[in-house]
Amino acid sequence: MEYSQQELQHCAYWYCLFQHWGVNMTNYSGYVEHSDFYIAPQSYQDAFEFLCQLTFESEETVFYIGKAIEYDKSYGFDEDDNFYLEDEVRFEWNEEKEEWVCY
């Protein structure tokens, strides 16, 4: 599924809000609800846009995004578990408003 112009505008809207709030724009990750993997850490804008697209392609309506915090290597986590999310935010597609809503 491709983004409509309106969907892209809403993604840009949230990106601008997070910039305004002073969010550090590096090392963000997230996942689509009912998914078993996190996306690779990247800038907030890239992670947000990728998650918007991935959520639609997965025929889901909810995704989560947060700061990707690297685990301390001394904890002995698996290679696949090298970071966790902090300050996680839930976004849900609102059909009536035709935009992503932050919860």
N, C-alpha and C. Protein backbone atom coordinates (compact mmCIF):
# COMPACT_ATOMS: atom_id res chain seq x y z
N MET A 1 0.84 -1.18 0.00
CA MET A 1 0.00 0.00 0.00
C MET A 1 0.89 1.24 0.00
N GLU A 2 0.56 2.19 -0.81
CA GLU A 2 1.32 3.44 -0.88
C GLU A 2 0.67 4.49 0.01
N TYR A 3 1.49 5.45 0.45
CA TYR A 3 0.97 6.57 1.23
C TYR A 3 0.17 7.51 0.34
N SER A 4 -0.94 8.01 0.85
CA SER A 4 -1.63 9.10 0.18
C SER A 4 -0.95 10.40 0.61
N GLN A 5 -1.22 11.45 -0.10
CA GLN A 5 -0.64 12.75 0.25
C GLN A 5 -1.07 13.15 1.67
N GLN A 6 -2.30 12.87 2.03
CA GLN A 6 -2.79 13.23 3.36
C GLN A 6 -2.05 12.45 4.44
N GLU A 7 -1.80 11.16 4.21
CA GLU A 7 -1.07 10.35 5.19
C GLU A 7 0.34 10.86 5.37
N LEU A 8 0.99 11.25 4.29
CA LEU A 8 2.34 11.80 4.38
C LEU A 8 2.34 13.12 5.16
N GLN A 9 1.32 13.92 4.95
CA GLN A 9 1.22 15.18 5.69
C GLN A 9 1.07 14.92 7.18
N HIS A 10 0.29 13.91 7.55
CA HIS A 10 0.12 13.59 8.96
C HIS A 10 1.41 13.07 9.58
N CYS A 11 2.17 12.27 8.83
CA CYS A 11 3.47 11.81 9.31
C CYS A 11 4.39 13.01 9.52
N ALA A 12 4.38 13.94 8.58
CA ALA A 12 5.20 15.14 8.71
C ALA A 12 4.75 15.99 9.90
N TYR A 13 3.45 16.04 10.13
CA TYR A 13 2.91 16.79 11.27
C TYR A 13 3.47 16.25 12.59
N TRP A 14 3.43 14.92 12.77
CA TRP A 14 3.94 14.34 14.00
C TRP A 14 5.44 14.53 14.12
N TYR A 15 6.14 14.42 13.01
CA TYR A 15 7.59 14.64 13.03
C TYR A 15 7.89 16.06 13.52
N CYS A 16 7.16 17.04 13.02
CA CYS A 16 7.38 18.43 13.43
C CYS A 16 7.06 18.62 14.91
N LEU A 17 6.01 17.99 15.40
CA LEU A 17 5.68 18.09 16.82
C LEU A 17 6.81 17.55 17.68
N PHE A 18 7.35 16.40 17.30
CA PHE A 18 8.42 15.82 18.09
C PHE A 18 9.67 16.69 18.03
N GLN A 19 9.95 17.31 16.89
CA GLN A 19 11.07 18.24 16.80
C GLN A 19 10.84 19.41 17.75
N HIS A 20 9.63 19.92 17.75
CA HIS A 20 9.27 21.05 18.60
C HIS A 20 9.45 20.71 20.08
N TRP A 21 9.12 19.47 20.44
CA TRP A 21 9.24 19.03 21.83
C TRP A 21 10.68 18.76 22.21
N GLY A 22 11.60 18.85 21.25
CA GLY A 22 13.01 18.66 21.55
C GLY A 22 13.45 17.21 21.58
N VAL A 23 12.78 16.35 20.85
CA VAL A 23 13.13 14.94 20.83
C VAL A 23 14.42 14.77 20.03
N ASN A 24 15.37 14.03 20.60
CA ASN A 24 16.59 13.68 19.89
C ASN A 24 16.20 12.81 18.70
N MET A 25 16.66 13.16 17.52
CA MET A 25 16.17 12.52 16.31
C MET A 25 17.02 11.33 15.85
N THR A 26 17.84 10.74 16.70
CA THR A 26 18.65 9.60 16.29
C THR A 26 18.33 8.39 17.15
N ASN A 27 18.59 7.23 16.59
CA ASN A 27 18.44 5.95 17.30
C ASN A 27 17.03 5.69 17.82
N TYR A 28 16.09 5.65 16.91
CA TYR A 28 14.71 5.29 17.23
C TYR A 28 14.36 3.98 16.54
N SER A 29 13.52 3.22 17.19
CA SER A 29 13.06 1.96 16.63
C SER A 29 11.59 1.81 17.01
N GLY A 30 11.01 0.72 16.59
CA GLY A 30 9.63 0.46 16.94
C GLY A 30 9.17 -0.83 16.30
N TYR A 31 7.88 -1.05 16.42
CA TYR A 31 7.30 -2.27 15.88
C TYR A 31 5.81 -2.07 15.62
N VAL A 32 5.30 -2.87 14.73
CA VAL A 32 3.88 -2.88 14.42
C VAL A 32 3.22 -3.83 15.41
N GLU A 33 2.06 -3.43 15.93
CA GLU A 33 1.34 -4.29 16.85
C GLU A 33 1.13 -5.66 16.21
N HIS A 34 1.26 -6.71 16.99
CA HIS A 34 1.13 -8.11 16.57
C HIS A 34 2.32 -8.57 15.73
N SER A 35 3.40 -7.81 15.72
CA SER A 35 4.62 -8.20 15.00
C SER A 35 5.63 -8.75 15.99
N ASP A 36 6.54 -9.56 15.51
CA ASP A 36 7.52 -10.16 16.40
C ASP A 36 8.93 -9.61 16.18
N PHE A 37 9.04 -8.44 15.54
CA PHE A 37 10.36 -7.87 15.37
C PHE A 37 10.33 -6.34 15.44
N TYR A 38 11.47 -5.78 15.83
CA TYR A 38 11.68 -4.34 15.85
C TYR A 38 12.37 -3.92 14.56
N ILE A 39 12.12 -2.71 14.10
CA ILE A 39 12.86 -2.20 12.95
C ILE A 39 14.24 -1.77 13.43
N ALA A 40 15.20 -1.71 12.52
CA ALA A 40 16.56 -1.29 12.86
C ALA A 40 16.55 0.15 13.36
N PRO A 41 17.35 0.47 14.37
CA PRO A 41 17.41 1.86 14.85
C PRO A 41 17.83 2.82 13.73
N GLN A 42 17.17 3.97 13.71
CA GLN A 42 17.41 5.00 12.70
C GLN A 42 16.90 6.33 13.21
N SER A 43 16.92 7.35 12.39
CA SER A 43 16.43 8.66 12.82
C SER A 43 14.94 8.56 13.14
N TYR A 44 14.45 9.49 13.95
CA TYR A 44 13.03 9.46 14.30
C TYR A 44 12.16 9.55 13.05
N GLN A 45 12.48 10.49 12.16
CA GLN A 45 11.68 10.68 10.96
C GLN A 45 11.65 9.41 10.12
N ASP A 46 12.81 8.80 9.90
CA ASP A 46 12.85 7.59 9.09
C ASP A 46 12.09 6.44 9.75
N ALA A 47 12.26 6.29 11.07
CA ALA A 47 11.57 5.22 11.79
C ALA A 47 10.06 5.44 11.74
N PHE A 48 9.63 6.68 11.97
CA PHE A 48 8.20 6.99 11.97
C PHE A 48 7.58 6.71 10.60
N GLU A 49 8.22 7.20 9.54
CA GLU A 49 7.69 6.99 8.19
C GLU A 49 7.67 5.51 7.83
N PHE A 50 8.74 4.79 8.18
CA PHE A 50 8.80 3.37 7.88
C PHE A 50 7.70 2.62 8.63
N LEU A 51 7.48 2.96 9.89
CA LEU A 51 6.45 2.29 10.68
C LEU A 51 5.05 2.61 10.15
N CYS A 52 4.83 3.84 9.70
CA CYS A 52 3.53 4.19 9.08
C CYS A 52 3.28 3.27 7.90
N GLN A 53 4.26 3.16 7.02
CA GLN A 53 4.13 2.34 5.81
C GLN A 53 3.97 0.85 6.17
N LEU A 54 4.82 0.38 7.07
CA LEU A 54 4.79 -1.03 7.46
C LEU A 54 3.46 -1.41 8.11
N THR A 55 2.91 -0.51 8.90
CA THR A 55 1.63 -0.75 9.56
C THR A 55 0.53 -0.94 8.53
N PHE A 56 0.47 -0.05 7.53
CA PHE A 56 -0.54 -0.19 6.48
C PHE A 56 -0.33 -1.46 5.68
N GLU A 57 0.92 -1.75 5.32
CA GLU A 57 1.20 -2.95 4.52
C GLU A 57 0.86 -4.23 5.29
N SER A 58 0.95 -4.17 6.62
CA SER A 58 0.63 -5.32 7.46
C SER A 58 -0.86 -5.40 7.78
N GLU A 59 -1.63 -4.46 7.24
CA GLU A 59 -3.06 -4.36 7.50
C GLU A 59 -3.36 -4.25 8.99
N GLU A 60 -2.52 -3.52 9.68
CA GLU A 60 -2.69 -3.23 11.09
C GLU A 60 -3.05 -1.75 11.24
N THR A 61 -3.36 -1.33 12.45
CA THR A 61 -3.71 0.08 12.69
C THR A 61 -2.90 0.70 13.81
N VAL A 62 -2.02 -0.07 14.45
CA VAL A 62 -1.27 0.41 15.62
C VAL A 62 0.21 0.10 15.47
N PHE A 63 1.04 1.09 15.83
CA PHE A 63 2.47 0.83 15.93
C PHE A 63 3.03 1.58 17.13
N TYR A 64 4.22 1.18 17.55
CA TYR A 64 4.90 1.77 18.70
C TYR A 64 6.27 2.25 18.25
N ILE A 65 6.70 3.39 18.78
CA ILE A 65 8.02 3.92 18.46
C ILE A 65 8.64 4.44 19.75
N GLY A 66 9.96 4.33 19.86
CA GLY A 66 10.64 4.80 21.04
C GLY A 66 12.14 4.90 20.82
N LYS A 67 12.83 5.41 21.81
CA LYS A 67 14.28 5.52 21.73
C LYS A 67 14.89 4.13 21.85
N ALA A 68 15.79 3.81 20.93
CA ALA A 68 16.49 2.53 20.96
C ALA A 68 17.70 2.68 21.89
N ILE A 69 17.65 1.99 23.02
CA ILE A 69 18.71 2.05 24.02
C ILE A 69 19.48 0.73 23.98
N GLU A 70 20.77 0.84 23.75
CA GLU A 70 21.60 -0.36 23.65
C GLU A 70 21.78 -0.99 25.02
N TYR A 71 21.63 -2.33 25.06
CA TYR A 71 21.86 -3.06 26.30
C TYR A 71 23.33 -3.01 26.67
N ASP A 72 23.59 -3.01 27.95
CA ASP A 72 24.95 -3.15 28.43
C ASP A 72 25.41 -4.56 28.10
N LYS A 73 26.52 -4.68 27.38
CA LYS A 73 27.00 -5.99 26.92
C LYS A 73 27.25 -6.96 28.08
N SER A 74 27.49 -6.46 29.27
CA SER A 74 27.77 -7.33 30.41
C SER A 74 26.56 -8.15 30.85
N TYR A 75 25.35 -7.76 30.37
CA TYR A 75 24.15 -8.51 30.73
C TYR A 75 24.06 -9.84 29.98
N GLY A 76 24.82 -9.99 28.91
CA GLY A 76 24.85 -11.24 28.17
C GLY A 76 23.63 -11.53 27.33
N PHE A 77 23.02 -10.51 26.74
CA PHE A 77 21.85 -10.73 25.89
C PHE A 77 22.26 -11.33 24.56
N ASP A 78 21.32 -12.00 23.90
CA ASP A 78 21.56 -12.55 22.57
C ASP A 78 21.85 -11.43 21.59
N GLU A 79 22.46 -11.79 20.48
CA GLU A 79 22.75 -10.81 19.43
C GLU A 79 21.47 -10.14 18.93
N ASP A 80 20.36 -10.88 18.91
CA ASP A 80 19.10 -10.31 18.44
C ASP A 80 18.48 -9.34 19.44
N ASP A 81 18.91 -9.40 20.68
CA ASP A 81 18.37 -8.54 21.73
C ASP A 81 19.40 -7.50 22.15
N ASN A 82 19.83 -6.67 21.20
CA ASN A 82 20.89 -5.73 21.53
C ASN A 82 20.39 -4.34 21.92
N PHE A 83 19.08 -4.13 21.92
CA PHE A 83 18.54 -2.85 22.39
C PHE A 83 17.11 -3.05 22.87
N TYR A 84 16.63 -2.06 23.61
CA TYR A 84 15.23 -2.05 24.06
C TYR A 84 14.69 -0.65 23.80
N LEU A 85 13.38 -0.49 23.90
CA LEU A 85 12.77 0.82 23.67
C LEU A 85 12.50 1.53 24.98
N GLU A 86 12.79 2.81 24.97
CA GLU A 86 12.53 3.67 26.12
C GLU A 86 11.63 4.81 25.63
N ASP A 87 10.80 5.33 26.50
CA ASP A 87 9.86 6.41 26.13
C ASP A 87 9.01 6.01 24.93
N GLU A 88 8.49 4.79 24.99
CA GLU A 88 7.70 4.24 23.90
C GLU A 88 6.37 4.98 23.77
N VAL A 89 5.99 5.26 22.52
CA VAL A 89 4.74 5.96 22.22
C VAL A 89 3.91 5.10 21.29
N ARG A 90 2.60 5.04 21.56
CA ARG A 90 1.68 4.25 20.74
C ARG A 90 0.96 5.18 19.77
N PHE A 91 0.95 4.79 18.49
CA PHE A 91 0.21 5.52 17.47
C PHE A 91 -0.85 4.60 16.90
N GLU A 92 -2.04 5.14 16.70
CA GLU A 92 -3.13 4.37 16.11
C GLU A 92 -3.77 5.18 14.99
N TRP A 93 -4.09 4.49 13.89
CA TRP A 93 -4.74 5.15 12.77
C TRP A 93 -6.20 5.41 13.12
N ASN A 94 -6.63 6.68 13.02
CA ASN A 94 -7.99 7.08 13.31
C ASN A 94 -8.73 7.23 11.98
N GLU A 95 -9.67 6.33 11.72
CA GLU A 95 -10.41 6.34 10.45
C GLU A 95 -11.20 7.63 10.26
N GLU A 96 -11.84 8.12 11.32
CA GLU A 96 -12.65 9.32 11.21
C GLU A 96 -11.82 10.54 10.86
N LYS A 97 -10.69 10.70 11.53
CA LYS A 97 -9.81 11.85 11.28
C LYS A 97 -8.86 11.63 10.11
N GLU A 98 -8.70 10.36 9.71
CA GLU A 98 -7.76 9.95 8.67
C GLU A 98 -6.35 10.46 9.00
N GLU A 99 -5.93 10.14 10.24
CA GLU A 99 -4.59 10.52 10.69
C GLU A 99 -4.14 9.60 11.81
N TRP A 100 -2.82 9.63 12.06
CA TRP A 100 -2.26 8.88 13.18
C TRP A 100 -2.51 9.66 14.46
N VAL A 101 -2.98 8.97 15.48
CA VAL A 101 -3.26 9.59 16.77
C VAL A 101 -2.32 8.98 17.79
N CYS A 102 -1.71 9.85 18.57
CA CYS A 102 -0.74 9.44 19.59
C CYS A 102 -1.49 9.17 20.89
N TYR A 103 -1.18 8.03 21.53
CA TYR A 103 -1.80 7.68 22.81
C TYR A 103 -0.76 7.55 23.88
